[in-house]
Every structure is written in structure tokens, then in C-alpha cells.
Amino acid sequence: MFADSRLDPGDVVEVQVPPYCEHGDQDPEERGRADWRERIASWMYWDARDKHQRERPYEERDDSWQRIGVGGMPGELT
């Protein structure tokens, strides 16, 4: 159904990905709130983490996947 919809470039907006946040750092009132932006950002960070750690030995793993890169995406995502 979504694939059948037409995309008008005028409807597209640029959004800045929020910085990485552990759930322990989050305000308790905001935890568990339904927020599609937070969910998408979470997916992006997990993908960035997976890409970063996929072919690196344990000793070379760090938290660089949490940082926003040049293209505005976490880690090495493009």
C-alpha cells in the first residue's frame, strides 16, 4: 500500500537525527511514549552499530557509531 503512493519532492523535509541517548538518560515521563521519530532514530543507531561492529574485532570496537557523521546520519551510514 505504501509502495503505491506517489512521492512529491515538495513534501519531503530534512530532519536532524537526535544525538544518541541511553534509555537511562531519558526523562522518565518521556520513556515509553509513542514517537515515530524516536523509533526511526533508534533503528538508524542500531544499524550504524551493526555496520560498525560487523567486521571489526572486539578490541577495535568503540562508540563512534553513536556520532552523527558528515551526511547527518549516525556512524558510517549514508
PDB file of N, CA and C in Angstrom:
ATOM      1  N   MET A   1       0.815  -1.176   0.000  1.00  0.00           N
ATOM      2  CA  MET A   1       0.000   0.000   0.000  1.00  0.00           C
ATOM      3  C   MET A   1       0.876   1.265   0.000  1.00  0.00           C
ATOM      4  N   PHE A   2       1.872   1.316   0.870  1.00  0.00           N
ATOM      5  CA  PHE A   2       2.759   2.469   0.932  1.00  0.00           C
ATOM      6  C   PHE A   2       3.561   2.593  -0.359  1.00  0.00           C
ATOM      7  N   ALA A   3       3.952   1.461  -0.945  1.00  0.00           N
ATOM      8  CA  ALA A   3       4.747   1.481  -2.172  1.00  0.00           C
ATOM      9  C   ALA A   3       3.963   2.063  -3.350  1.00  0.00           C
ATOM     10  N   ASP A   4       2.655   2.018  -3.270  1.00  0.00           N
ATOM     11  CA  ASP A   4       1.816   2.546  -4.345  1.00  0.00           C
ATOM     12  C   ASP A   4       1.645   4.061  -4.271  1.00  0.00           C
ATOM     13  N   SER A   5       2.002   4.660  -3.147  1.00  0.00           N
ATOM     14  CA  SER A   5       1.798   6.103  -3.019  1.00  0.00           C
ATOM     15  C   SER A   5       2.857   6.865  -3.799  1.00  0.00           C
ATOM     16  N   ARG A   6       2.472   8.024  -4.294  1.00  0.00           N
ATOM     17  CA  ARG A   6       3.367   8.856  -5.090  1.00  0.00           C
ATOM     18  C   ARG A   6       4.120   9.799  -4.169  1.00  0.00           C
ATOM     19  N   LEU A   7       5.369  10.036  -4.475  1.00  0.00           N
ATOM     20  CA  LEU A   7       6.208  10.917  -3.678  1.00  0.00           C
ATOM     21  C   LEU A   7       6.384  12.240  -4.395  1.00  0.00           C
ATOM     22  N   ASP A   8       5.940  13.290  -3.753  1.00  0.00           N
ATOM     23  CA  ASP A   8       6.118  14.630  -4.282  1.00  0.00           C
ATOM     24  C   ASP A   8       7.333  15.233  -3.567  1.00  0.00           C
ATOM     25  N   PRO A   9       8.412  15.561  -4.294  1.00  0.00           N
ATOM     26  CA  PRO A   9       9.608  16.104  -3.648  1.00  0.00           C
ATOM     27  C   PRO A   9       9.324  17.335  -2.779  1.00  0.00           C
ATOM     28  N   GLY A  10       8.248  18.043  -3.055  1.00  0.00           N
ATOM     29  CA  GLY A  10       7.884  19.193  -2.234  1.00  0.00           C
ATOM     30  C   GLY A  10       7.391  18.804  -0.851  1.00  0.00           C
ATOM     31  N   ASP A  11       7.017  17.527  -0.685  1.00  0.00           N
ATOM     32  CA  ASP A  11       6.528  17.043   0.606  1.00  0.00           C
ATOM     33  C   ASP A  11       7.645  16.513   1.496  1.00  0.00           C
ATOM     34  N   VAL A  12       8.847  16.409   0.958  1.00  0.00           N
ATOM     35  CA  VAL A  12       9.961  15.848   1.706  1.00  0.00           C
ATOM     36  C   VAL A  12      10.634  16.948   2.522  1.00  0.00           C
ATOM     37  N   VAL A  13      10.936  16.635   3.775  1.00  0.00           N
ATOM     38  CA  VAL A  13      11.628  17.599   4.633  1.00  0.00           C
ATOM     39  C   VAL A  13      12.903  16.959   5.173  1.00  0.00           C
ATOM     40  N   GLU A  14      13.886  17.787   5.455  1.00  0.00           N
ATOM     41  CA  GLU A  14      15.125  17.309   6.043  1.00  0.00           C
ATOM     42  C   GLU A  14      14.979  17.368   7.558  1.00  0.00           C
ATOM     43  N   VAL A  15      15.332  16.280   8.219  1.00  0.00           N
ATOM     44  CA  VAL A  15      15.220  16.209   9.669  1.00  0.00           C
ATOM     45  C   VAL A  15      16.581  15.882  10.250  1.00  0.00           C
ATOM     46  N   GLN A  16      16.905  16.493  11.357  1.00  0.00           N
ATOM     47  CA  GLN A  16      18.177  16.204  12.011  1.00  0.00           C
ATOM     48  C   GLN A  16      17.975  15.059  12.987  1.00  0.00           C
ATOM     49  N   VAL A  17      18.826  14.035  12.883  1.00  0.00           N
ATOM     50  CA  VAL A  17      18.754  12.896  13.784  1.00  0.00           C
ATOM     51  C   VAL A  17      19.202  13.357  15.173  1.00  0.00           C
ATOM     52  N   PRO A  18      18.433  13.041  16.213  1.00  0.00           N
ATOM     53  CA  PRO A  18      18.832  13.463  17.550  1.00  0.00           C
ATOM     54  C   PRO A  18      20.086  12.719  18.003  1.00  0.00           C
ATOM     55  N   PRO A  19      20.843  13.277  18.939  1.00  0.00           N
ATOM     56  CA  PRO A  19      22.028  12.573  19.430  1.00  0.00           C
ATOM     57  C   PRO A  19      21.638  11.266  20.108  1.00  0.00           C
ATOM     58  N   TYR A  20      22.567  10.322  20.125  1.00  0.00           N
ATOM     59  CA  TYR A  20      22.318   9.029  20.752  1.00  0.00           C
ATOM     60  C   TYR A  20      22.014   9.216  22.227  1.00  0.00           C
ATOM     61  N   CYS A  21      21.065   8.480  22.738  1.00  0.00           N
ATOM     62  CA  CYS A  21      20.650   8.606  24.132  1.00  0.00           C
ATOM     63  C   CYS A  21      20.347   7.228  24.693  1.00  0.00           C
ATOM     64  N   GLU A  22      20.968   6.879  25.802  1.00  0.00           N
ATOM     65  CA  GLU A  22      20.631   5.646  26.517  1.00  0.00           C
ATOM     66  C   GLU A  22      19.276   5.872  27.182  1.00  0.00           C
ATOM     67  N   HIS A  23      18.482   4.828  27.333  1.00  0.00           N
ATOM     68  CA  HIS A  23      17.173   4.997  27.964  1.00  0.00           C
ATOM     69  C   HIS A  23      17.301   5.462  29.406  1.00  0.00           C
ATOM     70  N   GLY A  24      18.405   5.153  30.070  1.00  0.00           N
ATOM     71  CA  GLY A  24      18.611   5.608  31.442  1.00  0.00           C
ATOM     72  C   GLY A  24      18.775   7.110  31.534  1.00  0.00           C
ATOM     73  N   ASP A  25      19.209   7.748  30.420  1.00  0.00           N
ATOM     74  CA  ASP A  25      19.399   9.198  30.391  1.00  0.00           C
ATOM     75  C   ASP A  25      18.108   9.938  30.065  1.00  0.00           C
ATOM     76  N   GLN A  26      17.083   9.200  29.730  1.00  0.00           N
ATOM     77  CA  GLN A  26      15.844   9.804  29.258  1.00  0.00           C
ATOM     78  C   GLN A  26      14.940  10.182  30.433  1.00  0.00           C
ATOM     79  N   ASP A  27      14.187  11.238  30.269  1.00  0.00           N
ATOM     80  CA  ASP A  27      13.221  11.660  31.276  1.00  0.00           C
ATOM     81  C   ASP A  27      12.197  10.538  31.467  1.00  0.00           C
ATOM     82  N   PRO A  28      11.961  10.105  32.717  1.00  0.00           N
ATOM     83  CA  PRO A  28      11.009   9.001  32.950  1.00  0.00           C
ATOM     84  C   PRO A  28       9.621   9.250  32.368  1.00  0.00           C
ATOM     85  N   GLU A  29       9.193  10.510  32.298  1.00  0.00           N
ATOM     86  CA  GLU A  29       7.871  10.805  31.733  1.00  0.00           C
ATOM     87  C   GLU A  29       7.837  10.573  30.228  1.00  0.00           C
ATOM     88  N   GLU A  30       8.988  10.682  29.564  1.00  0.00           N
ATOM     89  CA  GLU A  30       9.033  10.507  28.113  1.00  0.00           C
ATOM     90  C   GLU A  30       9.251   9.046  27.721  1.00  0.00           C
ATOM     91  N   ARG A  31       9.773   8.240  28.635  1.00  0.00           N
ATOM     92  CA  ARG A  31      10.038   6.837  28.336  1.00  0.00           C
ATOM     93  C   ARG A  31       8.731   6.113  28.016  1.00  0.00           C
ATOM     94  N   GLY A  32       8.714   5.329  26.977  1.00  0.00           N
ATOM     95  CA  GLY A  32       7.536   4.564  26.606  1.00  0.00           C
ATOM     96  C   GLY A  32       6.512   5.348  25.797  1.00  0.00           C
ATOM     97  N   ARG A  33       6.760   6.624  25.563  1.00  0.00           N
ATOM     98  CA  ARG A  33       5.843   7.443  24.773  1.00  0.00           C
ATOM     99  C   ARG A  33       5.930   7.018  23.306  1.00  0.00           C
ATOM    100  N   ALA A  34       4.821   6.935  22.657  1.00  0.00           N
ATOM    101  CA  ALA A  34       4.804   6.567  21.235  1.00  0.00           C
ATOM    102  C   ALA A  34       5.329   7.744  20.420  1.00  0.00           C
ATOM    103  N   ASP A  35       6.458   7.559  19.783  1.00  0.00           N
ATOM    104  CA  ASP A  35       7.068   8.632  18.999  1.00  0.00           C
ATOM    105  C   ASP A  35       7.759   8.001  17.800  1.00  0.00           C
ATOM    106  N   TRP A  36       7.193   8.193  16.615  1.00  0.00           N
ATOM    107  CA  TRP A  36       7.758   7.547  15.420  1.00  0.00           C
ATOM    108  C   TRP A  36       9.140   8.072  15.097  1.00  0.00           C
ATOM    109  N   ARG A  37       9.434   9.335  15.399  1.00  0.00           N
ATOM    110  CA  ARG A  37      10.774   9.871  15.120  1.00  0.00           C
ATOM    111  C   ARG A  37      11.821   9.173  15.981  1.00  0.00           C
ATOM    112  N   GLU A  38      11.488   8.977  17.238  1.00  0.00           N
ATOM    113  CA  GLU A  38      12.406   8.276  18.148  1.00  0.00           C
ATOM    114  C   GLU A  38      12.628   6.838  17.690  1.00  0.00           C
ATOM    115  N   ARG A  39      11.585   6.190  17.225  1.00  0.00           N
ATOM    116  CA  ARG A  39      11.690   4.808  16.763  1.00  0.00           C
ATOM    117  C   ARG A  39      12.602   4.722  15.537  1.00  0.00           C
ATOM    118  N   ILE A  40      12.435   5.630  14.577  1.00  0.00           N
ATOM    119  CA  ILE A  40      13.276   5.633  13.378  1.00  0.00           C
ATOM    120  C   ILE A  40      14.721   5.922  13.738  1.00  0.00           C
ATOM    121  N   ALA A  41      14.952   6.900  14.625  1.00  0.00           N
ATOM    122  CA  ALA A  41      16.315   7.208  15.069  1.00  0.00           C
ATOM    123  C   ALA A  41      16.932   5.988  15.740  1.00  0.00           C
ATOM    124  N   SER A  42      16.165   5.274  16.541  1.00  0.00           N
ATOM    125  CA  SER A  42      16.657   4.070  17.210  1.00  0.00           C
ATOM    126  C   SER A  42      17.086   3.026  16.185  1.00  0.00           C
ATOM    127  N   TRP A  43      16.266   2.803  15.161  1.00  0.00           N
ATOM    128  CA  TRP A  43      16.618   1.847  14.105  1.00  0.00           C
ATOM    129  C   TRP A  43      17.917   2.260  13.414  1.00  0.00           C
ATOM    130  N   MET A  44      18.058   3.557  13.165  1.00  0.00           N
ATOM    131  CA  MET A  44      19.255   4.041  12.480  1.00  0.00           C
ATOM    132  C   MET A  44      20.500   3.810  13.343  1.00  0.00           C
ATOM    133  N   TYR A  45      20.399   4.092  14.642  1.00  0.00           N
ATOM    134  CA  TYR A  45      21.549   3.880  15.521  1.00  0.00           C
ATOM    135  C   TYR A  45      21.910   2.399  15.617  1.00  0.00           C
ATOM    136  N   TRP A  46      20.912   1.532  15.690  1.00  0.00           N
ATOM    137  CA  TRP A  46      21.217   0.096  15.755  1.00  0.00           C
ATOM    138  C   TRP A  46      21.846  -0.386  14.449  1.00  0.00           C
ATOM    139  N   ASP A  47      21.392   0.127  13.318  1.00  0.00           N
ATOM    140  CA  ASP A  47      22.011  -0.229  12.037  1.00  0.00           C
ATOM    141  C   ASP A  47      23.444   0.285  11.965  1.00  0.00           C
ATOM    142  N   ALA A  48      23.661   1.496  12.464  1.00  0.00           N
ATOM    143  CA  ALA A  48      25.013   2.059  12.483  1.00  0.00           C
ATOM    144  C   ALA A  48      25.925   1.216  13.375  1.00  0.00           C
ATOM    145  N   ARG A  49      25.405   0.776  14.513  1.00  0.00           N
ATOM    146  CA  ARG A  49      26.186  -0.074  15.431  1.00  0.00           C
ATOM    147  C   ARG A  49      26.524  -1.400  14.767  1.00  0.00           C
ATOM    148  N   ASP A  50      25.524  -2.003  14.117  1.00  0.00           N
ATOM    149  CA  ASP A  50      25.744  -3.276  13.443  1.00  0.00           C
ATOM    150  C   ASP A  50      26.795  -3.141  12.348  1.00  0.00           C
ATOM    151  N   LYS A  51      26.688  -2.098  11.544  1.00  0.00           N
ATOM    152  CA  LYS A  51      27.651  -1.870  10.457  1.00  0.00           C
ATOM    153  C   LYS A  51      29.057  -1.646  11.021  1.00  0.00           C
ATOM    154  N   HIS A  52      29.148  -0.896  12.117  1.00  0.00           N
ATOM    155  CA  HIS A  52      30.445  -0.593  12.728  1.00  0.00           C
ATOM    156  C   HIS A  52      31.112  -1.852  13.279  1.00  0.00           C
ATOM    157  N   GLN A  53      30.332  -2.718  13.911  1.00  0.00           N
ATOM    158  CA  GLN A  53      30.905  -3.871  14.596  1.00  0.00           C
ATOM    159  C   GLN A  53      30.999  -5.122  13.734  1.00  0.00           C
ATOM    160  N   ARG A  54      30.356  -5.123  12.584  1.00  0.00           N
ATOM    161  CA  ARG A  54      30.241  -6.325  11.757  1.00  0.00           C
ATOM    162  C   ARG A  54      31.584  -6.998  11.468  1.00  0.00           C
ATOM    163  N   GLU A  55      32.553  -6.248  10.991  1.00  0.00           N
ATOM    164  CA  GLU A  55      33.814  -6.867  10.587  1.00  0.00           C
ATOM    165  C   GLU A  55      34.993  -6.422  11.443  1.00  0.00           C
ATOM    166  N   ARG A  56      34.731  -5.829  12.592  1.00  0.00           N
ATOM    167  CA  ARG A  56      35.809  -5.393  13.469  1.00  0.00           C
ATOM    168  C   ARG A  56      35.998  -6.389  14.605  1.00  0.00           C
ATOM    169  N   PRO A  57      37.249  -6.679  14.950  1.00  0.00           N
ATOM    170  CA  PRO A  57      37.463  -7.498  16.141  1.00  0.00           C
ATOM    171  C   PRO A  57      37.034  -6.711  17.380  1.00  0.00           C
ATOM    172  N   TYR A  58      36.749  -7.399  18.438  1.00  0.00           N
ATOM    173  CA  TYR A  58      36.242  -6.776  19.670  1.00  0.00           C
ATOM    174  C   TYR A  58      37.131  -5.627  20.143  1.00  0.00           C
ATOM    175  N   GLU A  59      38.430  -5.800  20.044  1.00  0.00           N
ATOM    176  CA  GLU A  59      39.378  -4.793  20.540  1.00  0.00           C
ATOM    177  C   GLU A  59      39.277  -3.466  19.790  1.00  0.00           C
ATOM    178  N   GLU A  60      38.790  -3.482  18.554  1.00  0.00           N
ATOM    179  CA  GLU A  60      38.709  -2.266  17.741  1.00  0.00           C
ATOM    180  C   GLU A  60      37.338  -1.596  17.795  1.00  0.00           C
ATOM    181  N   ARG A  61      36.420  -2.143  18.563  1.00  0.00           N
ATOM    182  CA  ARG A  61      35.077  -1.564  18.648  1.00  0.00           C
ATOM    183  C   ARG A  61      35.088  -0.378  19.603  1.00  0.00           C
ATOM    184  N   ASP A  62      34.377   0.677  19.217  1.00  0.00           N
ATOM    185  CA  ASP A  62      34.260   1.857  20.062  1.00  0.00           C
ATOM    186  C   ASP A  62      32.864   2.454  19.888  1.00  0.00           C
ATOM    187  N   ASP A  63      32.647   3.647  20.397  1.00  0.00           N
ATOM    188  CA  ASP A  63      31.317   4.251  20.310  1.00  0.00           C
ATOM    189  C   ASP A  63      31.168   5.248  19.168  1.00  0.00           C
ATOM    190  N   SER A  64      32.047   5.173  18.170  1.00  0.00           N
ATOM    191  CA  SER A  64      31.959   6.126  17.051  1.00  0.00           C
ATOM    192  C   SER A  64      30.659   5.957  16.264  1.00  0.00           C
ATOM    193  N   TRP A  65      30.011   4.814  16.354  1.00  0.00           N
ATOM    194  CA  TRP A  65      28.737   4.596  15.658  1.00  0.00           C
ATOM    195  C   TRP A  65      27.633   5.489  16.227  1.00  0.00           C
ATOM    196  N   GLN A  66      27.848   6.053  17.417  1.00  0.00           N
ATOM    197  CA  GLN A  66      26.842   6.915  18.035  1.00  0.00           C
ATOM    198  C   GLN A  66      26.915   8.345  17.517  1.00  0.00           C
ATOM    199  N   ARG A  67      28.035   8.732  16.954  1.00  0.00           N
ATOM    200  CA  ARG A  67      28.216  10.113  16.499  1.00  0.00           C
ATOM    201  C   ARG A  67      27.552  10.341  15.148  1.00  0.00           C
ATOM    202  N   ILE A  68      27.042  11.537  14.962  1.00  0.00           N
ATOM    203  CA  ILE A  68      26.424  11.918  13.682  1.00  0.00           C
ATOM    204  C   ILE A  68      27.538  12.237  12.701  1.00  0.00           C
ATOM    205  N   GLY A  69      27.522  11.582  11.543  1.00  0.00           N
ATOM    206  CA  GLY A  69      28.558  11.762  10.538  1.00  0.00           C
ATOM    207  C   GLY A  69      28.302  12.961   9.640  1.00  0.00           C
ATOM    208  N   VAL A  70      29.133  13.085   8.631  1.00  0.00           N
ATOM    209  CA  VAL A  70      29.088  14.217   7.697  1.00  0.00           C
ATOM    210  C   VAL A  70      27.712  14.325   7.021  1.00  0.00           C
ATOM    211  N   GLY A  71      27.135  13.223   6.633  1.00  0.00           N
ATOM    212  CA  GLY A  71      25.850  13.248   5.936  1.00  0.00           C
ATOM    213  C   GLY A  71      24.648  13.391   6.852  1.00  0.00           C
ATOM    214  N   GLY A  72      24.872  13.617   8.151  1.00  0.00           N
ATOM    215  CA  GLY A  72      23.759  13.773   9.080  1.00  0.00           C
ATOM    216  C   GLY A  72      23.205  12.475   9.597  1.00  0.00           C
ATOM    217  N   MET A  73      23.896  11.364   9.305  1.00  0.00           N
ATOM    218  CA  MET A  73      23.443  10.039   9.744  1.00  0.00           C
ATOM    219  C   MET A  73      24.401   9.512  10.817  1.00  0.00           C
ATOM    220  N   PRO A  74      23.930   8.609  11.672  1.00  0.00           N
ATOM    221  CA  PRO A  74      24.804   8.047  12.688  1.00  0.00           C
ATOM    222  C   PRO A  74      25.908   7.192  12.089  1.00  0.00           C
ATOM    223  N   GLY A  75      27.079   7.244  12.730  1.00  0.00           N
ATOM    224  CA  GLY A  75      28.195   6.382  12.346  1.00  0.00           C
ATOM    225  C   GLY A  75      28.574   6.505  10.888  1.00  0.00           C
ATOM    226  N   GLU A  76      28.668   5.349  10.226  1.00  0.00           N
ATOM    227  CA  GLU A  76      29.093   5.296   8.824  1.00  0.00           C
ATOM    228  C   GLU A  76      27.918   5.140   7.856  1.00  0.00           C
ATOM    229  N   LEU A  77      26.700   5.353   8.340  1.00  0.00           N
ATOM    230  CA  LEU A  77      25.544   5.225   7.446  1.00  0.00           C
ATOM    231  C   LEU A  77      25.540   6.359   6.433  1.00  0.00           C
ATOM    232  N   THR A  78      24.977   6.073   5.253  1.00  0.00           N
ATOM    233  CA  THR A  78      24.867   7.098   4.214  1.00  0.00           C
ATOM    234  C   THR A  78      23.421   7.196   3.764  1.00  0.00           C
TER     235      THR A  78
END
